[in-house]
N, C-alpha and C. Protein backbone atom coordinates (compact mmCIF):
# COMPACT_ATOMS: atom_id res chain seq x y z
N UNK A 1 18.56 -4.25 14.97
CA UNK A 1 17.86 -3.25 14.15
C UNK A 1 16.66 -2.72 14.91
N UNK A 2 16.39 -1.47 14.68
CA UNK A 2 15.25 -0.81 15.32
C UNK A 2 14.18 -0.52 14.28
N UNK A 3 12.91 -0.68 14.69
CA UNK A 3 11.81 -0.38 13.79
C UNK A 3 11.76 1.12 13.54
N UNK A 4 11.82 1.50 12.27
CA UNK A 4 11.81 2.91 11.87
C UNK A 4 10.38 3.34 11.56
N UNK A 5 10.15 4.62 11.71
CA UNK A 5 8.83 5.20 11.54
C UNK A 5 8.44 5.33 10.06
N UNK A 6 7.26 4.90 9.77
CA UNK A 6 6.61 5.13 8.48
C UNK A 6 5.96 6.50 8.56
N UNK A 7 6.33 7.40 7.68
CA UNK A 7 5.81 8.76 7.68
C UNK A 7 4.47 8.79 6.96
N UNK A 8 3.43 8.47 7.71
CA UNK A 8 2.08 8.33 7.16
C UNK A 8 1.60 9.58 6.43
N UNK A 9 1.86 10.74 7.01
CA UNK A 9 1.36 11.97 6.39
C UNK A 9 2.03 12.22 5.04
N UNK A 10 3.30 11.90 4.92
CA UNK A 10 3.98 12.05 3.62
C UNK A 10 3.37 11.11 2.59
N UNK A 11 3.03 9.88 3.01
CA UNK A 11 2.41 8.92 2.10
C UNK A 11 1.03 9.40 1.66
N UNK A 12 0.27 9.95 2.60
CA UNK A 12 -1.07 10.47 2.29
C UNK A 12 -0.97 11.68 1.37
N UNK A 13 -0.05 12.57 1.65
CA UNK A 13 0.13 13.75 0.80
C UNK A 13 0.46 13.33 -0.63
N UNK A 14 1.34 12.34 -0.77
CA UNK A 14 1.70 11.82 -2.09
C UNK A 14 0.47 11.19 -2.75
N UNK A 15 -0.26 10.38 -1.99
CA UNK A 15 -1.45 9.71 -2.52
C UNK A 15 -2.43 10.71 -3.08
N UNK A 16 -2.67 11.78 -2.35
CA UNK A 16 -3.62 12.80 -2.81
C UNK A 16 -3.06 13.57 -4.01
N UNK A 17 -1.78 13.84 -4.00
CA UNK A 17 -1.18 14.61 -5.10
C UNK A 17 -1.25 13.86 -6.42
N UNK A 18 -1.12 12.52 -6.38
CA UNK A 18 -1.03 11.74 -7.61
C UNK A 18 -2.22 10.80 -7.83
N UNK A 19 -3.28 10.92 -7.04
CA UNK A 19 -4.44 10.03 -7.18
C UNK A 19 -5.08 10.13 -8.55
N UNK A 20 -5.13 11.32 -9.09
CA UNK A 20 -5.83 11.53 -10.36
C UNK A 20 -4.88 11.76 -11.53
N UNK A 21 -3.60 11.43 -11.31
CA UNK A 21 -2.60 11.59 -12.36
C UNK A 21 -1.47 10.60 -12.17
N UNK A 22 -0.43 10.75 -12.97
CA UNK A 22 0.71 9.85 -12.91
C UNK A 22 1.98 10.65 -12.68
N UNK A 23 2.79 10.20 -11.76
CA UNK A 23 4.10 10.80 -11.54
C UNK A 23 4.99 10.35 -12.71
N UNK A 24 5.52 11.28 -13.49
CA UNK A 24 6.30 10.91 -14.67
C UNK A 24 7.62 10.21 -14.34
N UNK A 25 8.04 10.21 -13.10
CA UNK A 25 9.26 9.51 -12.70
C UNK A 25 9.07 7.99 -12.84
N UNK A 26 7.84 7.53 -12.66
CA UNK A 26 7.53 6.10 -12.69
C UNK A 26 6.78 5.72 -13.97
N UNK A 27 6.91 4.46 -14.34
CA UNK A 27 6.18 3.93 -15.48
C UNK A 27 4.71 3.77 -15.08
N UNK A 28 3.82 3.92 -16.01
CA UNK A 28 2.38 3.71 -15.80
C UNK A 28 2.03 2.31 -16.30
N UNK A 29 1.51 1.47 -15.41
CA UNK A 29 1.20 0.08 -15.76
C UNK A 29 -0.27 -0.15 -16.06
N UNK A 30 -1.01 0.91 -16.30
CA UNK A 30 -2.45 0.80 -16.56
C UNK A 30 -2.75 -0.14 -17.72
N UNK A 31 -1.95 -0.08 -18.78
CA UNK A 31 -2.20 -0.91 -19.97
C UNK A 31 -1.73 -2.35 -19.79
N UNK A 32 -1.11 -2.64 -18.65
CA UNK A 32 -0.56 -3.99 -18.42
C UNK A 32 -1.24 -4.68 -17.25
N UNK A 33 -2.51 -4.38 -17.02
CA UNK A 33 -3.25 -5.03 -15.96
C UNK A 33 -3.61 -4.11 -14.81
N UNK A 34 -3.10 -2.89 -14.80
CA UNK A 34 -3.47 -1.92 -13.77
C UNK A 34 -2.26 -1.29 -13.10
N UNK A 35 -2.48 -0.11 -12.56
CA UNK A 35 -1.42 0.67 -11.95
C UNK A 35 -1.58 0.80 -10.43
N UNK A 36 -2.55 0.10 -9.85
CA UNK A 36 -2.87 0.33 -8.44
C UNK A 36 -1.71 0.03 -7.50
N UNK A 37 -1.07 -1.10 -7.65
CA UNK A 37 -0.01 -1.46 -6.70
C UNK A 37 1.25 -0.64 -6.94
N UNK A 38 1.55 -0.32 -8.19
CA UNK A 38 2.65 0.58 -8.48
C UNK A 38 2.44 1.91 -7.75
N UNK A 39 1.24 2.44 -7.83
CA UNK A 39 0.89 3.70 -7.16
C UNK A 39 1.01 3.57 -5.63
N UNK A 40 0.50 2.49 -5.07
CA UNK A 40 0.57 2.29 -3.61
C UNK A 40 2.03 2.14 -3.17
N UNK A 41 2.83 1.43 -3.94
CA UNK A 41 4.26 1.33 -3.62
C UNK A 41 4.92 2.70 -3.62
N UNK A 42 4.55 3.53 -4.60
CA UNK A 42 5.07 4.90 -4.64
C UNK A 42 4.68 5.66 -3.36
N UNK A 43 3.44 5.48 -2.92
CA UNK A 43 2.97 6.15 -1.70
C UNK A 43 3.81 5.72 -0.49
N UNK A 44 4.04 4.41 -0.34
CA UNK A 44 4.84 3.92 0.79
C UNK A 44 6.27 4.47 0.71
N UNK A 45 6.83 4.47 -0.48
CA UNK A 45 8.18 5.01 -0.66
C UNK A 45 8.22 6.50 -0.31
N UNK A 46 7.17 7.23 -0.70
CA UNK A 46 7.08 8.65 -0.34
C UNK A 46 6.95 8.83 1.17
N UNK A 47 6.46 7.81 1.85
CA UNK A 47 6.37 7.81 3.31
C UNK A 47 7.68 7.42 3.97
N UNK A 48 8.77 7.58 3.26
CA UNK A 48 10.14 7.36 3.72
C UNK A 48 10.52 5.89 3.92
N UNK A 49 9.78 4.97 3.31
CA UNK A 49 10.18 3.56 3.37
C UNK A 49 11.15 3.31 2.21
N UNK A 50 12.38 2.92 2.52
CA UNK A 50 13.38 2.72 1.46
C UNK A 50 13.14 1.43 0.68
N UNK A 51 13.72 1.38 -0.51
CA UNK A 51 13.70 0.15 -1.29
C UNK A 51 14.31 -0.98 -0.47
N UNK A 52 13.84 -2.19 -0.71
CA UNK A 52 14.36 -3.38 -0.03
C UNK A 52 14.99 -4.29 -1.08
N UNK A 53 16.31 -4.32 -1.11
CA UNK A 53 17.06 -5.18 -2.04
C UNK A 53 17.70 -6.35 -1.32
N UNK A 54 17.29 -6.59 -0.08
CA UNK A 54 18.01 -7.54 0.77
C UNK A 54 17.54 -8.98 0.66
N UNK A 55 16.41 -9.24 0.03
CA UNK A 55 15.89 -10.60 -0.03
C UNK A 55 16.76 -11.56 -0.83
N UNK A 56 16.47 -12.83 -0.69
CA UNK A 56 17.27 -13.86 -1.36
C UNK A 56 16.99 -13.95 -2.85
N UNK A 57 15.81 -13.48 -3.27
CA UNK A 57 15.47 -13.48 -4.70
C UNK A 57 14.44 -12.38 -4.95
N UNK A 58 14.04 -12.23 -6.19
CA UNK A 58 13.17 -11.12 -6.60
C UNK A 58 11.82 -11.15 -5.88
N UNK A 59 11.38 -12.31 -5.39
CA UNK A 59 10.08 -12.40 -4.72
C UNK A 59 10.13 -11.88 -3.28
N UNK A 60 11.31 -11.68 -2.74
CA UNK A 60 11.45 -11.22 -1.36
C UNK A 60 12.10 -9.85 -1.28
N UNK A 61 12.03 -9.12 -2.38
CA UNK A 61 12.55 -7.76 -2.44
C UNK A 61 11.43 -6.82 -2.88
N UNK A 62 11.66 -5.51 -2.70
CA UNK A 62 10.67 -4.51 -3.08
C UNK A 62 11.39 -3.26 -3.54
N UNK A 63 11.39 -3.00 -4.86
CA UNK A 63 12.03 -1.80 -5.38
C UNK A 63 11.56 -1.52 -6.81
N UNK A 64 11.83 -0.28 -7.25
CA UNK A 64 11.57 0.14 -8.62
C UNK A 64 12.62 1.19 -8.98
N UNK A 65 13.44 0.87 -9.99
CA UNK A 65 14.40 1.84 -10.54
C UNK A 65 14.01 2.23 -11.95
N UNK A 66 13.39 1.30 -12.65
CA UNK A 66 12.90 1.54 -14.01
C UNK A 66 11.96 0.40 -14.35
N UNK A 67 11.33 0.49 -15.50
CA UNK A 67 10.45 -0.59 -15.93
C UNK A 67 11.22 -1.91 -16.08
N UNK A 68 12.51 -1.81 -16.30
CA UNK A 68 13.34 -3.00 -16.50
C UNK A 68 14.10 -3.41 -15.25
N UNK A 69 14.00 -2.62 -14.20
CA UNK A 69 14.69 -2.92 -12.95
C UNK A 69 13.71 -2.68 -11.79
N UNK A 70 12.86 -3.67 -11.58
CA UNK A 70 11.81 -3.58 -10.57
C UNK A 70 11.46 -4.99 -10.09
N UNK A 71 10.74 -5.04 -8.98
CA UNK A 71 10.29 -6.33 -8.48
C UNK A 71 8.79 -6.49 -8.72
N UNK A 72 8.31 -7.74 -8.83
CA UNK A 72 6.87 -7.97 -8.96
C UNK A 72 6.10 -7.39 -7.76
N UNK A 73 6.72 -7.39 -6.58
CA UNK A 73 6.06 -6.87 -5.39
C UNK A 73 5.80 -5.36 -5.48
N UNK A 74 6.51 -4.66 -6.33
CA UNK A 74 6.29 -3.22 -6.49
C UNK A 74 5.03 -2.95 -7.32
N UNK A 75 4.74 -3.84 -8.29
CA UNK A 75 3.71 -3.52 -9.28
C UNK A 75 2.50 -4.45 -9.32
N UNK A 76 2.50 -5.56 -8.62
CA UNK A 76 1.39 -6.52 -8.71
C UNK A 76 0.82 -6.82 -7.32
N UNK A 77 -0.50 -6.83 -7.22
CA UNK A 77 -1.19 -6.93 -5.93
C UNK A 77 -0.82 -8.18 -5.13
N UNK A 78 -0.83 -9.36 -5.75
CA UNK A 78 -0.55 -10.57 -4.98
C UNK A 78 0.90 -10.65 -4.51
N UNK A 79 1.89 -10.42 -5.38
CA UNK A 79 3.28 -10.42 -4.89
C UNK A 79 3.53 -9.33 -3.84
N UNK A 80 2.84 -8.19 -3.97
CA UNK A 80 2.95 -7.11 -2.99
C UNK A 80 2.45 -7.58 -1.62
N UNK A 81 1.27 -8.19 -1.60
CA UNK A 81 0.73 -8.70 -0.33
C UNK A 81 1.66 -9.76 0.26
N UNK A 82 2.15 -10.66 -0.58
CA UNK A 82 3.06 -11.72 -0.10
C UNK A 82 4.31 -11.10 0.51
N UNK A 83 4.89 -10.11 -0.15
CA UNK A 83 6.06 -9.43 0.39
C UNK A 83 5.72 -8.76 1.72
N UNK A 84 4.67 -7.96 1.74
CA UNK A 84 4.32 -7.21 2.96
C UNK A 84 4.13 -8.12 4.17
N UNK A 85 3.39 -9.20 3.98
CA UNK A 85 3.00 -10.03 5.11
C UNK A 85 4.05 -11.07 5.50
N UNK A 86 5.00 -11.34 4.63
CA UNK A 86 6.02 -12.35 4.93
C UNK A 86 7.40 -11.78 5.18
N UNK A 87 7.62 -10.51 4.86
CA UNK A 87 8.95 -9.93 5.04
C UNK A 87 9.34 -9.89 6.51
N UNK A 88 8.45 -9.45 7.36
CA UNK A 88 8.67 -9.40 8.79
C UNK A 88 7.42 -9.86 9.50
N UNK A 89 7.60 -10.65 10.52
CA UNK A 89 6.50 -11.05 11.40
C UNK A 89 6.88 -10.59 12.79
N UNK A 90 5.94 -10.66 13.71
CA UNK A 90 6.24 -10.23 15.07
C UNK A 90 7.48 -10.95 15.58
N UNK A 91 8.44 -10.19 16.04
CA UNK A 91 9.67 -10.77 16.59
C UNK A 91 10.82 -10.85 15.59
N UNK A 92 10.55 -10.70 14.29
CA UNK A 92 11.65 -10.71 13.32
C UNK A 92 12.08 -9.29 13.05
N UNK A 93 13.27 -9.15 12.52
CA UNK A 93 13.79 -7.83 12.19
C UNK A 93 14.55 -7.88 10.87
N UNK A 94 13.87 -8.38 9.85
CA UNK A 94 14.46 -8.37 8.51
C UNK A 94 14.46 -6.96 7.98
N UNK A 95 15.39 -6.65 7.10
CA UNK A 95 15.41 -5.35 6.43
C UNK A 95 14.09 -5.18 5.69
N UNK A 96 13.56 -3.96 5.67
CA UNK A 96 12.37 -3.66 4.87
C UNK A 96 11.10 -3.53 5.68
N UNK A 97 9.99 -3.53 4.98
CA UNK A 97 8.68 -3.23 5.55
C UNK A 97 8.24 -4.29 6.56
N UNK A 98 7.62 -3.80 7.62
CA UNK A 98 6.95 -4.67 8.59
C UNK A 98 5.47 -4.30 8.55
N UNK A 99 4.61 -5.26 8.17
CA UNK A 99 3.17 -5.04 8.04
C UNK A 99 2.44 -6.30 8.48
N UNK A 100 1.17 -6.14 8.81
CA UNK A 100 0.35 -7.30 9.18
C UNK A 100 -1.11 -7.01 8.88
N UNK A 101 -1.89 -8.08 8.77
CA UNK A 101 -3.33 -7.89 8.66
C UNK A 101 -3.83 -7.22 9.92
N UNK A 102 -4.90 -6.45 9.81
CA UNK A 102 -5.54 -5.84 10.97
C UNK A 102 -7.05 -5.85 10.76
N UNK A 103 -7.75 -5.42 11.76
CA UNK A 103 -9.21 -5.31 11.67
C UNK A 103 -9.60 -3.95 11.09
N UNK A 104 -10.78 -3.87 10.58
CA UNK A 104 -11.31 -2.63 9.98
C UNK A 104 -11.15 -1.44 10.90
N UNK A 105 -11.54 -1.59 12.15
CA UNK A 105 -11.50 -0.46 13.09
C UNK A 105 -10.11 -0.16 13.63
N UNK A 106 -9.10 -0.93 13.20
CA UNK A 106 -7.71 -0.67 13.60
C UNK A 106 -6.93 0.10 12.52
N UNK A 107 -7.57 0.37 11.39
CA UNK A 107 -6.89 1.08 10.32
C UNK A 107 -6.50 2.48 10.76
N UNK A 108 -5.30 2.88 10.34
CA UNK A 108 -4.82 4.24 10.52
C UNK A 108 -4.64 4.86 9.14
N UNK A 109 -4.55 6.18 9.11
CA UNK A 109 -4.27 6.83 7.85
C UNK A 109 -2.93 6.33 7.33
N UNK A 110 -2.87 6.02 6.05
CA UNK A 110 -1.66 5.48 5.45
C UNK A 110 -1.62 3.96 5.41
N UNK A 111 -2.56 3.30 6.08
CA UNK A 111 -2.65 1.84 5.99
C UNK A 111 -3.30 1.47 4.66
N UNK A 112 -3.34 0.18 4.37
CA UNK A 112 -3.78 -0.29 3.05
C UNK A 112 -5.02 -1.15 3.13
N UNK A 113 -5.78 -1.12 2.06
CA UNK A 113 -6.95 -1.98 1.90
C UNK A 113 -6.75 -2.73 0.59
N UNK A 114 -6.97 -4.05 0.64
CA UNK A 114 -6.90 -4.82 -0.59
C UNK A 114 -8.26 -5.46 -0.85
N UNK A 115 -8.56 -5.64 -2.12
CA UNK A 115 -9.86 -6.15 -2.54
C UNK A 115 -9.70 -7.48 -3.25
N UNK A 116 -10.59 -8.41 -2.90
CA UNK A 116 -10.65 -9.70 -3.56
C UNK A 116 -12.00 -9.85 -4.24
N UNK A 117 -11.97 -10.43 -5.41
CA UNK A 117 -13.19 -10.75 -6.13
C UNK A 117 -13.12 -12.24 -6.45
N UNK A 118 -14.12 -12.99 -6.01
CA UNK A 118 -14.14 -14.45 -6.18
C UNK A 118 -12.86 -15.09 -5.65
N UNK A 119 -12.36 -14.57 -4.52
CA UNK A 119 -11.18 -15.13 -3.87
C UNK A 119 -9.85 -14.69 -4.46
N UNK A 120 -9.88 -13.92 -5.55
CA UNK A 120 -8.65 -13.49 -6.22
C UNK A 120 -8.34 -12.05 -5.83
N UNK A 121 -7.12 -11.82 -5.37
CA UNK A 121 -6.68 -10.47 -5.01
C UNK A 121 -6.56 -9.65 -6.29
N UNK A 122 -7.29 -8.54 -6.34
CA UNK A 122 -7.35 -7.77 -7.58
C UNK A 122 -6.95 -6.31 -7.44
N UNK A 123 -6.82 -5.79 -6.20
CA UNK A 123 -6.70 -4.34 -6.09
C UNK A 123 -6.11 -3.93 -4.75
N UNK A 124 -5.40 -2.78 -4.73
CA UNK A 124 -4.82 -2.21 -3.51
C UNK A 124 -5.14 -0.72 -3.45
N UNK A 125 -5.52 -0.26 -2.25
CA UNK A 125 -5.89 1.16 -2.00
C UNK A 125 -5.18 1.63 -0.74
N UNK A 126 -5.09 2.95 -0.55
CA UNK A 126 -4.50 3.52 0.64
C UNK A 126 -5.54 4.38 1.37
N UNK A 127 -5.57 4.26 2.69
CA UNK A 127 -6.50 5.03 3.53
C UNK A 127 -5.95 6.44 3.69
N UNK A 128 -6.77 7.44 3.32
CA UNK A 128 -6.31 8.83 3.38
C UNK A 128 -7.11 9.68 4.36
N UNK A 129 -8.23 9.19 4.86
CA UNK A 129 -9.02 9.95 5.82
C UNK A 129 -10.02 9.04 6.52
N UNK A 130 -10.49 9.49 7.68
CA UNK A 130 -11.54 8.79 8.41
C UNK A 130 -12.79 9.66 8.41
N UNK A 131 -13.94 9.01 8.31
CA UNK A 131 -15.22 9.71 8.44
C UNK A 131 -15.77 9.29 9.80
N UNK A 132 -15.99 10.27 10.66
CA UNK A 132 -16.45 10.01 12.02
C UNK A 132 -17.87 10.53 12.23
N UNK A 133 -18.61 9.86 13.12
CA UNK A 133 -19.92 10.39 13.49
C UNK A 133 -19.73 11.46 14.57
N UNK A 134 -20.79 12.03 15.05
CA UNK A 134 -20.68 13.13 16.01
C UNK A 134 -20.13 12.69 17.36
N UNK A 135 -20.03 11.38 17.58
CA UNK A 135 -19.47 10.86 18.84
C UNK A 135 -18.00 10.44 18.67
N UNK A 136 -17.47 10.60 17.47
CA UNK A 136 -16.09 10.23 17.22
C UNK A 136 -15.89 8.79 16.78
N UNK A 137 -16.98 8.10 16.49
CA UNK A 137 -16.89 6.71 16.03
C UNK A 137 -16.66 6.67 14.52
N UNK A 138 -15.90 5.69 14.08
CA UNK A 138 -15.62 5.54 12.65
C UNK A 138 -16.88 5.10 11.92
N UNK A 139 -17.23 5.87 10.90
CA UNK A 139 -18.37 5.55 10.05
C UNK A 139 -17.89 4.98 8.72
N UNK A 140 -16.75 5.49 8.26
CA UNK A 140 -16.22 5.07 6.97
C UNK A 140 -14.77 5.56 6.87
N UNK A 141 -14.07 5.08 5.87
CA UNK A 141 -12.73 5.56 5.53
C UNK A 141 -12.79 6.09 4.11
N UNK A 142 -11.90 7.02 3.81
CA UNK A 142 -11.73 7.48 2.44
C UNK A 142 -10.42 6.91 1.93
N UNK A 143 -10.41 6.51 0.66
CA UNK A 143 -9.23 5.88 0.06
C UNK A 143 -8.87 6.58 -1.24
N UNK A 144 -7.61 6.44 -1.61
CA UNK A 144 -7.13 6.86 -2.93
C UNK A 144 -6.64 5.61 -3.65
N UNK A 145 -6.71 5.64 -4.99
CA UNK A 145 -6.30 4.49 -5.78
C UNK A 145 -6.03 4.89 -7.21
N UNK A 146 -5.32 4.01 -7.91
CA UNK A 146 -5.19 4.06 -9.37
C UNK A 146 -5.94 2.86 -9.93
N UNK A 147 -5.98 2.79 -11.26
CA UNK A 147 -6.74 1.78 -12.00
C UNK A 147 -8.21 2.00 -11.70
N UNK A 148 -8.72 2.97 -12.30
CA UNK A 148 -9.94 3.70 -12.03
C UNK A 148 -9.59 4.66 -10.92
N UNK A 149 -8.96 5.74 -11.31
CA UNK A 149 -8.38 6.69 -10.37
C UNK A 149 -9.46 7.32 -9.49
N UNK A 150 -9.22 7.30 -8.17
CA UNK A 150 -10.13 7.89 -7.20
C UNK A 150 -9.32 8.61 -6.13
N UNK A 151 -9.85 9.74 -5.70
CA UNK A 151 -9.21 10.52 -4.64
C UNK A 151 -10.21 10.70 -3.49
N UNK A 152 -9.83 10.25 -2.30
CA UNK A 152 -10.67 10.38 -1.10
C UNK A 152 -12.08 9.86 -1.35
N UNK A 153 -12.14 8.62 -1.82
CA UNK A 153 -13.41 7.96 -2.16
C UNK A 153 -13.85 7.09 -0.98
N UNK A 154 -15.16 7.05 -0.67
CA UNK A 154 -15.63 6.24 0.46
C UNK A 154 -15.36 4.74 0.26
N UNK A 155 -14.68 4.15 1.21
CA UNK A 155 -14.40 2.71 1.14
C UNK A 155 -15.70 1.90 1.11
N UNK A 156 -16.72 2.39 1.79
CA UNK A 156 -18.00 1.68 1.83
C UNK A 156 -18.63 1.53 0.45
N UNK A 157 -18.19 2.32 -0.50
CA UNK A 157 -18.72 2.26 -1.87
C UNK A 157 -17.95 1.28 -2.75
N UNK A 158 -16.90 0.67 -2.21
CA UNK A 158 -16.09 -0.28 -2.97
C UNK A 158 -16.65 -1.68 -2.78
N UNK A 159 -16.83 -2.41 -3.89
CA UNK A 159 -17.35 -3.77 -3.81
C UNK A 159 -16.24 -4.77 -3.50
N UNK A 160 -16.58 -6.03 -3.47
CA UNK A 160 -15.59 -7.08 -3.21
C UNK A 160 -15.37 -7.31 -1.73
N UNK A 161 -14.54 -8.28 -1.43
CA UNK A 161 -14.17 -8.61 -0.05
C UNK A 161 -12.87 -7.89 0.26
N UNK A 162 -12.84 -7.18 1.37
CA UNK A 162 -11.66 -6.39 1.71
C UNK A 162 -10.84 -7.03 2.81
N UNK A 163 -9.53 -6.85 2.69
CA UNK A 163 -8.62 -7.18 3.79
C UNK A 163 -7.85 -5.90 4.10
N UNK A 164 -7.39 -5.80 5.33
CA UNK A 164 -6.80 -4.57 5.83
C UNK A 164 -5.38 -4.83 6.29
N UNK A 165 -4.46 -3.97 5.86
CA UNK A 165 -3.04 -4.17 6.17
C UNK A 165 -2.51 -2.94 6.90
N UNK A 166 -2.01 -3.18 8.09
CA UNK A 166 -1.37 -2.14 8.90
C UNK A 166 0.11 -2.11 8.57
N UNK A 167 0.60 -0.92 8.27
CA UNK A 167 2.04 -0.72 8.05
C UNK A 167 2.63 -0.26 9.39
N UNK A 168 3.41 -1.12 10.01
CA UNK A 168 4.00 -0.81 11.32
C UNK A 168 5.24 0.07 11.20
N UNK A 169 5.93 -0.03 10.09
CA UNK A 169 7.18 0.70 9.89
C UNK A 169 8.10 -0.15 9.03
N UNK A 170 9.40 0.07 9.20
CA UNK A 170 10.38 -0.71 8.44
C UNK A 170 11.67 -0.83 9.22
N UNK A 171 12.44 -1.84 8.86
CA UNK A 171 13.76 -2.02 9.43
C UNK A 171 14.79 -1.63 8.38
N UNK A 172 15.80 -0.88 8.82
CA UNK A 172 16.85 -0.46 7.88
C UNK A 172 18.22 -0.72 8.49
C-alpha cells in the first residue's frame, strides 16, 4: 500500500464553511457532550480521507453513516485520538489514517490540536491558518472548532494543555 495524500486545502475549506454552522448531512452532537470531534472528522473526510471499516472492532474503525451507524472515534475526542495515533505507526501500512504527535512549530494547515484540562482530553480543533511575523516566523495559528463554534480563532487564546497531531495521509 502507498501513503495517499491528505487534501489539506479541502479540509480547511470545509472547516471554514461549517465552523459557524452545521452540515445537515451529519447529526449534531452538541446536546450529547459536544460536536467538536464530529466536526473535525467531517473536515478530514472532506480532505479526501475515506471511511475506515477495516479494524477488528468498533474501536479500531472510523466512519459515520448515520447517528446509528458510526464509530466512537468519529464523534468523541479520546477514541478519536486513540484511533489516529494507533491506526498506523512509522513503518506500518494499515488501511486508514496515518497520524502522529508533532511539535507546535511542525504544524501544517489541516493538522489538529487537542486540548486537555486536568489531564482529561476534552476538545479537538483544526489548524486553518498561520500568523507570521515580518521575518516569516510563526507567531500563532488560527483554528476552527465546534462546541463553542469558532472560525479562524487564535490558538494562543485557547486555555488548557495542547497536544498537536500531524496528519501524514492515509492508506487505502
